[in-house]
Amino acid sequence: IIFALEEKFDISIPYNANEAPGAGKGDAASVGLG
């Protein structure tokens, strides 16, 4: 699903975007991904 979304919208979803709380302190946090 992530790959299909990335291809459709020409974006890059951080690999750890869906990890447990505390993991979203890098790139994901900078764009508001939870």
PDB file of all heavy atoms in Angstrom:
ATOM      1  N   ILE A   1       0.844  -1.200   0.000  1.00  0.00           N
ATOM      2  CA  ILE A   1       0.000   0.000   0.000  1.00  0.00           C
ATOM      3  C   ILE A   1       0.879   1.250   0.000  1.00  0.00           C
ATOM      4  O   ILE A   1       0.640   2.191  -0.756  1.00  0.00           O
ATOM      5  CB  ILE A   1      -0.961  -0.005   1.210  1.00  0.00           C
ATOM      6  CG1 ILE A   1      -2.023  -1.092   1.024  1.00  0.00           C
ATOM      7  CG2 ILE A   1      -1.609   1.366   1.410  1.00  0.00           C
ATOM      8  CD1 ILE A   1      -2.828  -1.400   2.282  1.00  0.00           C
ATOM      9  N   ILE A   2       1.913   1.254   0.842  1.00  0.00           N
ATOM     10  CA  ILE A   2       2.829   2.400   0.917  1.00  0.00           C
ATOM     11  C   ILE A   2       3.488   2.638  -0.442  1.00  0.00           C
ATOM     12  O   ILE A   2       3.543   3.766  -0.930  1.00  0.00           O
ATOM     13  CB  ILE A   2       3.903   2.188   2.011  1.00  0.00           C
ATOM     14  CG1 ILE A   2       3.255   2.165   3.402  1.00  0.00           C
ATOM     15  CG2 ILE A   2       5.000   3.249   1.935  1.00  0.00           C
ATOM     16  CD1 ILE A   2       2.545   3.418   3.819  1.00  0.00           C
ATOM     17  N   PHE A   3       3.984   1.569  -1.066  1.00  0.00           N
ATOM     18  CA  PHE A   3       4.622   1.709  -2.387  1.00  0.00           C
ATOM     19  C   PHE A   3       3.642   2.278  -3.410  1.00  0.00           C
ATOM     20  O   PHE A   3       3.996   3.139  -4.216  1.00  0.00           O
ATOM     21  CB  PHE A   3       5.182   0.373  -2.885  1.00  0.00           C
ATOM     22  CG  PHE A   3       6.440  -0.079  -2.195  1.00  0.00           C
ATOM     23  CD1 PHE A   3       6.771  -1.422  -2.167  1.00  0.00           C
ATOM     24  CD2 PHE A   3       7.296   0.814  -1.573  1.00  0.00           C
ATOM     25  CE1 PHE A   3       7.935  -1.857  -1.543  1.00  0.00           C
ATOM     26  CE2 PHE A   3       8.455   0.399  -0.943  1.00  0.00           C
ATOM     27  CZ  PHE A   3       8.779  -0.951  -0.922  1.00  0.00           C
ATOM     28  N   ALA A   4       2.402   1.795  -3.390  1.00  0.00           N
ATOM     29  CA  ALA A   4       1.394   2.279  -4.341  1.00  0.00           C
ATOM     30  C   ALA A   4       1.085   3.754  -4.097  1.00  0.00           C
ATOM     31  O   ALA A   4       0.936   4.532  -5.054  1.00  0.00           O
ATOM     32  CB  ALA A   4       0.122   1.439  -4.233  1.00  0.00           C
ATOM     33  N   LEU A   5       1.011   4.158  -2.835  1.00  0.00           N
ATOM     34  CA  LEU A   5       0.769   5.572  -2.505  1.00  0.00           C
ATOM     35  C   LEU A   5       1.930   6.443  -2.955  1.00  0.00           C
ATOM     36  O   LEU A   5       1.739   7.525  -3.514  1.00  0.00           O
ATOM     37  CB  LEU A   5       0.535   5.745  -1.000  1.00  0.00           C
ATOM     38  CG  LEU A   5      -0.759   5.151  -0.445  1.00  0.00           C
ATOM     39  CD1 LEU A   5      -0.725   5.120   1.072  1.00  0.00           C
ATOM     40  CD2 LEU A   5      -1.971   5.930  -0.939  1.00  0.00           C
ATOM     41  N   GLU A   6       3.153   5.969  -2.708  1.00  0.00           N
ATOM     42  CA  GLU A   6       4.336   6.728  -3.118  1.00  0.00           C
ATOM     43  C   GLU A   6       4.363   6.924  -4.629  1.00  0.00           C
ATOM     44  O   GLU A   6       4.652   8.014  -5.120  1.00  0.00           O
ATOM     45  CB  GLU A   6       5.615   6.004  -2.656  1.00  0.00           C
ATOM     46  CG  GLU A   6       5.843   6.073  -1.178  1.00  0.00           C
ATOM     47  CD  GLU A   6       7.085   5.316  -0.727  1.00  0.00           C
ATOM     48  OE1 GLU A   6       7.516   4.354  -1.411  1.00  0.00           O
ATOM     49  OE2 GLU A   6       7.633   5.690   0.317  1.00  0.00           O
ATOM     50  N   GLU A   7       4.040   5.873  -5.359  1.00  0.00           N
ATOM     51  CA  GLU A   7       4.044   5.959  -6.817  1.00  0.00           C
ATOM     52  C   GLU A   7       2.943   6.891  -7.324  1.00  0.00           C
ATOM     53  O   GLU A   7       3.182   7.738  -8.178  1.00  0.00           O
ATOM     54  CB  GLU A   7       3.866   4.559  -7.412  1.00  0.00           C
ATOM     55  CG  GLU A   7       3.979   4.547  -8.917  1.00  0.00           C
ATOM     56  CD  GLU A   7       3.887   3.136  -9.484  1.00  0.00           C
ATOM     57  OE1 GLU A   7       4.412   2.201  -8.861  1.00  0.00           O
ATOM     58  OE2 GLU A   7       3.276   2.994 -10.556  1.00  0.00           O
ATOM     59  N   LYS A   8       1.751   6.752  -6.785  1.00  0.00           N
ATOM     60  CA  LYS A   8       0.605   7.551  -7.231  1.00  0.00           C
ATOM     61  C   LYS A   8       0.820   9.045  -6.988  1.00  0.00           C
ATOM     62  O   LYS A   8       0.517   9.877  -7.837  1.00  0.00           O
ATOM     63  CB  LYS A   8      -0.663   7.070  -6.502  1.00  0.00           C
ATOM     64  CG  LYS A   8      -1.857   7.980  -6.600  1.00  0.00           C
ATOM     65  CD  LYS A   8      -2.563   7.862  -7.917  1.00  0.00           C
ATOM     66  CE  LYS A   8      -3.806   8.728  -7.922  1.00  0.00           C
ATOM     67  NZ  LYS A   8      -4.452   8.780  -9.200  1.00  0.00           N
ATOM     68  N   PHE A   9       1.335   9.379  -5.797  1.00  0.00           N
ATOM     69  CA  PHE A   9       1.436  10.790  -5.411  1.00  0.00           C
ATOM     70  C   PHE A   9       2.851  11.353  -5.529  1.00  0.00           C
ATOM     71  O   PHE A   9       3.083  12.506  -5.176  1.00  0.00           O
ATOM     72  CB  PHE A   9       0.896  10.980  -3.991  1.00  0.00           C
ATOM     73  CG  PHE A   9      -0.560  10.613  -3.856  1.00  0.00           C
ATOM     74  CD1 PHE A   9      -0.944   9.450  -3.213  1.00  0.00           C
ATOM     75  CD2 PHE A   9      -1.547  11.421  -4.414  1.00  0.00           C
ATOM     76  CE1 PHE A   9      -2.288   9.097  -3.102  1.00  0.00           C
ATOM     77  CE2 PHE A   9      -2.888  11.077  -4.312  1.00  0.00           C
ATOM     78  CZ  PHE A   9      -3.258   9.921  -3.654  1.00  0.00           C
ATOM     79  N   ASP A  10       3.806  10.542  -6.005  1.00  0.00           N
ATOM     80  CA  ASP A  10       5.189  10.973  -6.174  1.00  0.00           C
ATOM     81  C   ASP A  10       5.742  11.558  -4.870  1.00  0.00           C
ATOM     82  O   ASP A  10       6.246  12.677  -4.827  1.00  0.00           O
ATOM     83  CB  ASP A  10       5.323  11.978  -7.326  1.00  0.00           C
ATOM     84  CG  ASP A  10       6.768  12.205  -7.726  1.00  0.00           C
ATOM     85  OD1 ASP A  10       7.591  11.280  -7.549  1.00  0.00           O
ATOM     86  OD2 ASP A  10       7.083  13.324  -8.190  1.00  0.00           O
ATOM     87  N   ILE A  11       5.597  10.776  -3.806  1.00  0.00           N
ATOM     88  CA  ILE A  11       6.101  11.170  -2.495  1.00  0.00           C
ATOM     89  C   ILE A  11       6.936  10.037  -1.935  1.00  0.00           C
ATOM     90  O   ILE A  11       6.957   8.940  -2.505  1.00  0.00           O
ATOM     91  CB  ILE A  11       4.949  11.485  -1.501  1.00  0.00           C
ATOM     92  CG1 ILE A  11       3.998  10.289  -1.387  1.00  0.00           C
ATOM     93  CG2 ILE A  11       4.211  12.753  -1.903  1.00  0.00           C
ATOM     94  CD1 ILE A  11       2.924  10.426  -0.316  1.00  0.00           C
ATOM     95  N   SER A  12       7.609  10.289  -0.831  1.00  0.00           N
ATOM     96  CA  SER A  12       8.367   9.261  -0.136  1.00  0.00           C
ATOM     97  C   SER A  12       7.860   9.188   1.293  1.00  0.00           C
ATOM     98  O   SER A  12       7.980  10.148   2.043  1.00  0.00           O
ATOM     99  CB  SER A  12       9.857   9.604  -0.164  1.00  0.00           C
ATOM    100  OG  SER A  12      10.580   8.625   0.535  1.00  0.00           O
ATOM    101  N   ILE A  13       7.275   8.053   1.633  1.00  0.00           N
ATOM    102  CA  ILE A  13       6.756   7.855   2.982  1.00  0.00           C
ATOM    103  C   ILE A  13       7.855   7.186   3.796  1.00  0.00           C
ATOM    104  O   ILE A  13       8.342   6.119   3.407  1.00  0.00           O
ATOM    105  CB  ILE A  13       5.477   6.982   2.950  1.00  0.00           C
ATOM    106  CG1 ILE A  13       4.398   7.690   2.124  1.00  0.00           C
ATOM    107  CG2 ILE A  13       4.993   6.690   4.370  1.00  0.00           C
ATOM    108  CD1 ILE A  13       3.155   6.867   1.865  1.00  0.00           C
ATOM    109  N   PRO A  14       8.277   7.805   4.898  1.00  0.00           N
ATOM    110  CA  PRO A  14       9.355   7.222   5.706  1.00  0.00           C
ATOM    111  C   PRO A  14       9.019   5.797   6.118  1.00  0.00           C
ATOM    112  O   PRO A  14       7.884   5.511   6.504  1.00  0.00           O
ATOM    113  CB  PRO A  14       9.424   8.141   6.928  1.00  0.00           C
ATOM    114  CG  PRO A  14       8.809   9.422   6.484  1.00  0.00           C
ATOM    115  CD  PRO A  14       7.774   9.046   5.461  1.00  0.00           C
ATOM    116  N   TYR A  15       9.997   4.936   6.026  1.00  0.00           N
ATOM    117  CA  TYR A  15       9.787   3.510   6.303  1.00  0.00           C
ATOM    118  C   TYR A  15       9.215   3.276   7.698  1.00  0.00           C
ATOM    119  O   TYR A  15       8.394   2.417   7.900  1.00  0.00           O
ATOM    120  CB  TYR A  15      11.102   2.747   6.143  1.00  0.00           C
ATOM    121  CG  TYR A  15      10.964   1.281   6.448  1.00  0.00           C
ATOM    122  CD1 TYR A  15      10.286   0.429   5.580  1.00  0.00           C
ATOM    123  CD2 TYR A  15      11.480   0.747   7.619  1.00  0.00           C
ATOM    124  CE1 TYR A  15      10.137  -0.911   5.854  1.00  0.00           C
ATOM    125  CE2 TYR A  15      11.329  -0.602   7.905  1.00  0.00           C
ATOM    126  CZ  TYR A  15      10.665  -1.416   7.026  1.00  0.00           C
ATOM    127  OH  TYR A  15      10.509  -2.743   7.312  1.00  0.00           O
ATOM    128  N   ASN A  16       9.664   4.083   8.669  1.00  0.00           N
ATOM    129  CA  ASN A  16       9.232   3.880  10.044  1.00  0.00           C
ATOM    130  C   ASN A  16       7.992   4.693  10.400  1.00  0.00           C
ATOM    131  O   ASN A  16       7.695   4.895  11.564  1.00  0.00           O
ATOM    132  CB  ASN A  16      10.358   4.200  11.015  1.00  0.00           C
ATOM    133  CG  ASN A  16      10.753   5.663  10.972  1.00  0.00           C
ATOM    134  OD1 ASN A  16      10.341   6.402  10.079  1.00  0.00           O
ATOM    135  ND2 ASN A  16      11.555   6.096  11.928  1.00  0.00           N
ATOM    136  N   ALA A  17       7.244   5.147   9.424  1.00  0.00           N
ATOM    137  CA  ALA A  17       6.090   6.006   9.683  1.00  0.00           C
ATOM    138  C   ALA A  17       5.021   5.314  10.502  1.00  0.00           C
ATOM    139  O   ALA A  17       4.216   5.962  11.145  1.00  0.00           O
ATOM    140  CB  ALA A  17       5.484   6.490   8.366  1.00  0.00           C
ATOM    141  N   ASN A  18       5.023   4.004  10.527  1.00  0.00           N
ATOM    142  CA  ASN A  18       3.976   3.294  11.252  1.00  0.00           C
ATOM    143  C   ASN A  18       4.519   2.536  12.463  1.00  0.00           C
ATOM    144  O   ASN A  18       3.864   1.656  12.985  1.00  0.00           O
ATOM    145  CB  ASN A  18       3.247   2.319  10.328  1.00  0.00           C
ATOM    146  CG  ASN A  18       1.844   2.043  10.802  1.00  0.00           C
ATOM    147  OD1 ASN A  18       1.178   2.930  11.320  1.00  0.00           O
ATOM    148  ND2 ASN A  18       1.392   0.818  10.638  1.00  0.00           N
ATOM    149  N   GLU A  19       5.721   2.897  12.919  1.00  0.00           N
ATOM    150  CA  GLU A  19       6.268   2.214  14.078  1.00  0.00           C
ATOM    151  C   GLU A  19       5.624   2.714  15.363  1.00  0.00           C
ATOM    152  O   GLU A  19       4.882   3.688  15.370  1.00  0.00           O
ATOM    153  CB  GLU A  19       7.788   2.433  14.141  1.00  0.00           C
ATOM    154  CG  GLU A  19       8.511   1.584  13.122  1.00  0.00           C
ATOM    155  CD  GLU A  19      10.011   1.691  13.235  1.00  0.00           C
ATOM    156  OE1 GLU A  19      10.499   2.383  14.144  1.00  0.00           O
ATOM    157  OE2 GLU A  19      10.694   1.088  12.416  1.00  0.00           O
ATOM    158  N   ALA A  20       5.955   2.078  16.436  1.00  0.00           N
ATOM    159  CA  ALA A  20       5.378   2.392  17.749  1.00  0.00           C
ATOM    160  C   ALA A  20       5.698   3.825  18.171  1.00  0.00           C
ATOM    161  O   ALA A  20       6.634   4.437  17.665  1.00  0.00           O
ATOM    162  CB  ALA A  20       5.935   1.410  18.774  1.00  0.00           C
ATOM    163  N   PRO A  21       4.929   4.389  19.123  1.00  0.00           N
ATOM    164  CA  PRO A  21       5.183   5.749  19.602  1.00  0.00           C
ATOM    165  C   PRO A  21       6.629   5.904  20.041  1.00  0.00           C
ATOM    166  O   PRO A  21       7.222   4.993  20.597  1.00  0.00           O
ATOM    167  CB  PRO A  21       4.230   5.888  20.797  1.00  0.00           C
ATOM    168  CG  PRO A  21       3.155   4.902  20.537  1.00  0.00           C
ATOM    169  CD  PRO A  21       3.795   3.771  19.778  1.00  0.00           C
ATOM    170  N   GLY A  22       7.154   7.075  19.778  1.00  0.00           N
ATOM    171  CA  GLY A  22       8.549   7.338  20.091  1.00  0.00           C
ATOM    172  C   GLY A  22       9.444   7.171  18.884  1.00  0.00           C
ATOM    173  O   GLY A  22      10.551   7.678  18.844  1.00  0.00           O
ATOM    174  N   ALA A  23       8.962   6.439  17.885  1.00  0.00           N
ATOM    175  CA  ALA A  23       9.769   6.213  16.688  1.00  0.00           C
ATOM    176  C   ALA A  23       9.631   7.369  15.710  1.00  0.00           C
ATOM    177  O   ALA A  23      10.434   7.525  14.821  1.00  0.00           O
ATOM    178  CB  ALA A  23       9.353   4.911  16.016  1.00  0.00           C
ATOM    179  N   GLY A  24       8.607   8.194  15.873  1.00  0.00           N
ATOM    180  CA  GLY A  24       8.339   9.248  14.910  1.00  0.00           C
ATOM    181  C   GLY A  24       9.016  10.555  15.217  1.00  0.00           C
ATOM    182  O   GLY A  24       8.427  11.611  15.099  1.00  0.00           O
ATOM    183  N   LYS A  25      10.264  10.490  15.630  1.00  0.00           N
ATOM    184  CA  LYS A  25      10.957  11.724  15.986  1.00  0.00           C
ATOM    185  C   LYS A  25      11.854  12.245  14.867  1.00  0.00           C
ATOM    186  O   LYS A  25      12.463  13.277  14.999  1.00  0.00           O
ATOM    187  CB  LYS A  25      11.780  11.502  17.261  1.00  0.00           C
ATOM    188  CG  LYS A  25      10.905  11.207  18.462  1.00  0.00           C
ATOM    189  CD  LYS A  25      11.627  11.497  19.735  1.00  0.00           C
ATOM    190  CE  LYS A  25      10.777  11.488  20.970  1.00  0.00           C
ATOM    191  NZ  LYS A  25       9.683  10.608  21.055  1.00  0.00           N
ATOM    192  N   GLY A  26      11.899  11.523  13.762  1.00  0.00           N
ATOM    193  CA  GLY A  26      12.764  11.934  12.657  1.00  0.00           C
ATOM    194  C   GLY A  26      11.993  12.656  11.574  1.00  0.00           C
ATOM    195  O   GLY A  26      11.221  13.566  11.838  1.00  0.00           O
ATOM    196  N   ASP A  27      12.184  12.215  10.343  1.00  0.00           N
ATOM    197  CA  ASP A  27      11.523  12.843   9.200  1.00  0.00           C
ATOM    198  C   ASP A  27      10.001  12.822   9.315  1.00  0.00           C
ATOM    199  O   ASP A  27       9.342  13.766   8.956  1.00  0.00           O
ATOM    200  CB  ASP A  27      11.911  12.114   7.898  1.00  0.00           C
ATOM    201  CG  ASP A  27      13.380  12.283   7.576  1.00  0.00           C
ATOM    202  OD1 ASP A  27      13.995  13.234   8.092  1.00  0.00           O
ATOM    203  OD2 ASP A  27      13.901  11.462   6.809  1.00  0.00           O
ATOM    204  N   ALA A  28       9.468  11.732   9.815  1.00  0.00           N
ATOM    205  CA  ALA A  28       8.011  11.613   9.908  1.00  0.00           C
ATOM    206  C   ALA A  28       7.433  12.718  10.779  1.00  0.00           C
ATOM    207  O   ALA A  28       6.399  13.289  10.462  1.00  0.00           O
ATOM    208  CB  ALA A  28       7.633  10.240  10.456  1.00  0.00           C
ATOM    209  N   ALA A  29       8.085  13.021  11.886  1.00  0.00           N
ATOM    210  CA  ALA A  29       7.571  14.054  12.787  1.00  0.00           C
ATOM    211  C   ALA A  29       7.618  15.427  12.133  1.00  0.00           C
ATOM    212  O   ALA A  29       6.755  16.263  12.373  1.00  0.00           O
ATOM    213  CB  ALA A  29       8.372  14.055  14.084  1.00  0.00           C
ATOM    214  N   SER A  30       8.596  15.645  11.274  1.00  0.00           N
ATOM    215  CA  SER A  30       8.742  16.963  10.655  1.00  0.00           C
ATOM    216  C   SER A  30       7.609  17.291   9.690  1.00  0.00           C
ATOM    217  O   SER A  30       7.345  18.444   9.421  1.00  0.00           O
ATOM    218  CB  SER A  30      10.098  17.074   9.940  1.00  0.00           C
ATOM    219  OG  SER A  30      10.122  16.214   8.825  1.00  0.00           O
ATOM    220  N   VAL A  31       6.919  16.286   9.179  1.00  0.00           N
ATOM    221  CA  VAL A  31       5.788  16.547   8.293  1.00  0.00           C
ATOM    222  C   VAL A  31       4.464  16.164   8.931  1.00  0.00           C
ATOM    223  O   VAL A  31       3.444  16.077   8.271  1.00  0.00           O
ATOM    224  CB  VAL A  31       5.939  15.844   6.909  1.00  0.00           C
ATOM    225  CG1 VAL A  31       7.088  16.436   6.140  1.00  0.00           C
ATOM    226  CG2 VAL A  31       6.082  14.345   7.067  1.00  0.00           C
ATOM    227  N   GLY A  32       4.480  15.890  10.229  1.00  0.00           N
ATOM    228  CA  GLY A  32       3.245  15.629  10.942  1.00  0.00           C
ATOM    229  C   GLY A  32       2.706  14.219  10.792  1.00  0.00           C
ATOM    230  O   GLY A  32       1.533  13.992  10.987  1.00  0.00           O
ATOM    231  N   LEU A  33       3.541  13.257  10.454  1.00  0.00           N
ATOM    232  CA  LEU A  33       3.080  11.879  10.352  1.00  0.00           C
ATOM    233  C   LEU A  33       2.991  11.281  11.739  1.00  0.00           C
ATOM    234  O   LEU A  33       3.893  11.402  12.537  1.00  0.00           O
ATOM    235  CB  LEU A  33       4.049  11.024   9.522  1.00  0.00           C
ATOM    236  CG  LEU A  33       4.145  11.316   8.046  1.00  0.00           C
ATOM    237  CD1 LEU A  33       5.094  10.326   7.400  1.00  0.00           C
ATOM    238  CD2 LEU A  33       2.803  11.259   7.376  1.00  0.00           C
ATOM    239  N   GLY A  34       1.895  10.623  11.997  1.00  0.00           N
ATOM    240  CA  GLY A  34       1.738   9.899  13.239  1.00  0.00           C
ATOM    241  C   GLY A  34       1.504   8.449  12.909  1.00  0.00           C
ATOM    242  O   GLY A  34       2.015   7.942  11.926  1.00  0.00           O
TER     243      GLY A  34
END
